[in-house]
Amino acid sequence: MAQFSVNAQRFDPYKNFKFQVFWEGNTIPIAGVSKVSMLKRTTEVVKHREGGDPSSSRKSPGRTDYEAITLERGVTHDKEFEQWANKVWNFGAGLGKEVSLKDFRKNVIIKLYNEAGQVAISYKVYRCWISEFQPMADLDANANAVLIQHIKLENEGWERDYDVAEPAEITFNEPPA
């Protein structure tokens, strides 16, 4: 089978630097996200055997775990990460108001683009909440770097959005001579 069904002439896989992250239901991407960790799920192996079986074990799938995803972005005045993190634990909010149980979870969408900026692949990440919030990285007067903000998203699963089909790649016409 061809790696690309619509663009059979394409051989190069998609690049890892063309992406955007969205809150589900929002058409505006989350501001400034520059890095997203990998999506990873692991299914435990359940080994079993009966007394009369040969010496080797049988294996079957057990519980599946979805690893946390980290998002990083440069520090700006956008408050979205901090306000969401505060829904999980808001220091000094008062007894019974530390956690916003109604809306501390959000679904997130990660869109990958081809070189022409067309959505090529999309993943939906379900029931995310922030388990770790780092409003800024280390400060270093001798460094020459962007100040980075970091959140760690616990989630209860993700899936590829198969409704996002491989886009027909654009051909640009050469200018007239």
Protein backbone atom coordinates (compact mmCIF):
# COMPACT_ATOMS: atom_id res chain seq x y z
CA MET A 1 0.00 0.00 0.00
CA ALA A 2 1.20 3.51 -0.79
CA GLN A 3 2.10 5.74 2.14
CA PHE A 4 -0.02 8.52 0.64
CA SER A 5 -3.19 7.54 -1.18
CA VAL A 6 -4.22 10.97 -2.54
CA ASN A 7 -0.71 12.27 -3.28
CA ALA A 8 0.93 9.16 -4.72
CA GLN A 9 3.98 11.18 -5.84
CA ARG A 10 4.77 12.18 -2.24
CA PHE A 11 7.51 10.25 -0.44
CA ASP A 12 8.37 12.54 2.48
CA PRO A 13 6.62 12.05 5.83
CA TYR A 14 5.04 15.10 7.47
CA LYS A 15 7.31 17.44 9.40
CA ASN A 16 7.09 17.80 13.18
CA PHE A 17 7.11 21.60 13.26
CA LYS A 18 3.81 22.37 11.49
CA PHE A 19 1.05 22.01 14.11
CA GLN A 20 -1.49 23.86 16.21
CA VAL A 21 -3.35 22.97 19.40
CA PHE A 22 -6.97 23.93 20.07
CA TRP A 23 -9.44 23.69 22.94
CA GLU A 24 -12.32 21.61 21.58
CA GLY A 25 -15.06 23.83 20.15
CA ASN A 26 -12.67 26.76 19.63
CA THR A 27 -11.49 27.82 16.18
CA ILE A 28 -8.63 29.96 17.52
CA PRO A 29 -5.45 27.98 18.36
CA ILE A 30 -3.99 28.09 21.87
CA ALA A 31 -1.59 31.03 21.82
CA GLY A 32 2.10 30.39 21.28
CA VAL A 33 2.38 26.62 21.72
CA SER A 34 5.83 25.71 20.43
CA LYS A 35 6.22 22.13 21.66
CA VAL A 36 3.90 19.18 22.28
CA SER A 37 5.21 15.92 23.70
CA MET A 38 4.45 12.64 21.98
CA LEU A 39 1.15 10.81 22.25
CA LYS A 40 1.73 7.44 23.88
CA ARG A 41 -0.49 4.67 25.17
CA THR A 42 0.61 1.46 26.83
CA THR A 43 -1.48 -1.65 27.35
CA GLU A 44 -0.44 -3.92 30.18
CA VAL A 45 0.19 -7.56 29.37
CA VAL A 46 -1.73 -10.12 31.42
CA LYS A 47 0.10 -13.47 31.50
CA HIS A 48 -1.74 -16.64 32.40
CA ARG A 49 -1.48 -20.37 32.01
CA GLU A 50 -3.34 -23.44 33.04
CA GLY A 51 -1.70 -26.29 34.92
CA GLY A 52 -1.62 -28.58 31.89
CA ASP A 53 -0.24 -25.94 29.48
CA PRO A 54 3.31 -26.09 28.17
CA SER A 55 5.90 -24.10 30.10
CA SER A 56 5.20 -20.87 28.18
CA SER A 57 2.49 -18.39 29.20
CA ARG A 58 -0.44 -17.10 27.24
CA LYS A 59 -0.74 -13.34 26.92
CA SER A 60 -3.77 -11.10 26.69
CA PRO A 61 -4.31 -7.34 26.85
CA GLY A 62 -4.98 -5.74 30.23
CA ARG A 63 -5.52 -2.13 31.25
CA THR A 64 -4.52 0.64 28.87
CA ASP A 65 -2.84 3.79 30.15
CA TYR A 66 -2.44 7.08 28.27
CA GLU A 67 0.67 9.05 29.19
CA ALA A 68 0.46 12.71 30.10
CA ILE A 69 1.12 15.24 27.34
CA THR A 70 3.17 18.37 27.89
CA LEU A 71 2.62 21.69 26.13
CA GLU A 72 5.25 24.41 26.09
CA ARG A 73 5.12 27.99 24.94
CA GLY A 74 6.96 31.24 25.40
CA VAL A 75 5.82 33.38 28.32
CA THR A 76 3.44 36.18 27.27
CA HIS A 77 0.50 37.98 28.86
CA ASP A 78 -1.94 35.25 27.77
CA LYS A 79 -3.52 33.81 30.95
CA GLU A 80 -5.18 30.67 29.50
CA PHE A 81 -2.71 28.11 30.94
CA GLU A 82 -2.71 29.67 34.40
CA GLN A 83 -6.48 30.10 34.56
CA TRP A 84 -7.01 26.48 33.53
CA ALA A 85 -4.39 25.25 36.05
CA ASN A 86 -6.18 27.26 38.76
CA LYS A 87 -9.35 25.25 38.12
CA VAL A 88 -7.52 22.16 39.42
CA TRP A 89 -6.05 23.93 42.46
CA ASN A 90 -6.45 27.61 43.23
CA PHE A 91 -4.22 28.56 46.16
CA GLY A 92 -5.98 30.72 48.72
CA ALA A 93 -9.41 30.39 47.07
CA GLY A 94 -11.08 29.39 50.32
CA LEU A 95 -12.54 26.21 51.69
CA GLY A 96 -14.63 24.39 49.09
CA LYS A 97 -13.48 26.64 46.24
CA GLU A 98 -9.99 25.25 45.63
CA VAL A 99 -11.11 22.99 42.76
CA SER A 100 -13.58 23.76 39.99
CA LEU A 101 -15.09 20.28 39.58
CA LYS A 102 -17.55 21.40 36.92
CA ASP A 103 -15.04 22.56 34.29
CA PHE A 104 -11.44 21.61 35.18
CA ARG A 105 -11.37 19.10 32.29
CA LYS A 106 -11.18 20.04 28.61
CA ASN A 107 -10.86 18.16 25.36
CA VAL A 108 -7.91 19.21 23.22
CA ILE A 109 -7.36 18.89 19.48
CA ILE A 110 -3.89 18.63 17.92
CA LYS A 111 -3.76 19.42 14.20
CA LEU A 112 -0.78 18.53 12.02
CA TYR A 113 -0.26 20.40 8.75
CA ASN A 114 1.57 19.64 5.53
CA GLU A 115 4.15 22.07 4.17
CA ALA A 116 1.42 24.05 2.33
CA GLY A 117 -0.48 24.64 5.58
CA GLN A 118 -3.31 22.16 4.91
CA VAL A 119 -4.60 20.06 7.82
CA ALA A 120 -3.22 16.58 7.18
CA ILE A 121 -3.85 14.70 10.45
CA SER A 122 -5.80 15.54 13.60
CA TYR A 123 -5.97 13.94 17.05
CA LYS A 124 -8.63 14.41 19.73
CA VAL A 125 -7.38 14.16 23.32
CA TYR A 126 -10.14 13.55 25.87
CA ARG A 127 -10.84 14.76 29.41
CA CYS A 128 -7.56 16.61 29.93
CA TRP A 129 -6.66 18.39 33.14
CA ILE A 130 -3.47 20.07 34.30
CA SER A 131 -1.43 18.05 36.78
CA GLU A 132 1.66 20.26 36.53
CA PHE A 133 1.94 23.99 35.80
CA GLN A 134 5.23 25.81 35.44
CA PRO A 135 4.58 29.52 34.78
CA MET A 136 8.21 30.14 33.85
CA ALA A 137 11.49 28.30 33.51
CA ASP A 138 14.72 29.10 35.34
CA LEU A 139 15.88 32.69 35.10
CA ASP A 140 19.50 33.03 34.01
CA ALA A 141 21.22 36.37 33.37
CA ASN A 142 23.90 34.58 31.34
CA ALA A 143 21.49 32.78 29.01
CA ASN A 144 20.22 33.82 25.61
CA ALA A 145 16.85 32.06 25.42
CA VAL A 146 13.08 32.50 25.43
CA LEU A 147 11.33 32.16 28.80
CA ILE A 148 9.18 29.01 28.56
CA GLN A 149 5.85 28.15 30.22
CA HIS A 150 4.90 24.49 30.65
CA ILE A 151 1.75 22.49 31.43
CA LYS A 152 1.36 18.75 31.84
CA LEU A 153 -1.99 17.36 30.70
CA GLU A 154 -3.32 14.18 32.20
CA ASN A 155 -5.85 12.62 29.84
CA GLU A 156 -8.17 9.66 29.56
CA GLY A 157 -7.40 8.77 25.98
CA TRP A 158 -6.91 10.07 22.48
CA GLU A 159 -7.85 9.02 18.99
CA ARG A 160 -7.08 10.06 15.46
CA ASP A 161 -9.87 11.97 13.76
CA TYR A 162 -10.45 9.82 10.67
CA ASP A 163 -12.81 12.46 9.26
CA VAL A 164 -9.67 14.49 8.44
CA ALA A 165 -8.67 13.05 5.07
CA GLU A 166 -5.36 13.40 3.29
CA PRO A 167 -5.55 16.76 1.46
CA ALA A 168 -4.80 17.02 -2.25
CA GLU A 169 -1.52 18.87 -2.35
CA ILE A 170 -1.45 22.22 -4.10
CA THR A 171 0.46 22.70 -7.34
CA PHE A 172 1.61 26.22 -8.03
CA ASN A 173 1.67 27.42 -11.62
CA GLU A 174 4.90 28.91 -12.82
CA PRO A 175 4.70 32.62 -13.69
CA PRO A 176 4.53 33.41 -17.39
CA ALA A 177 7.88 33.98 -19.10
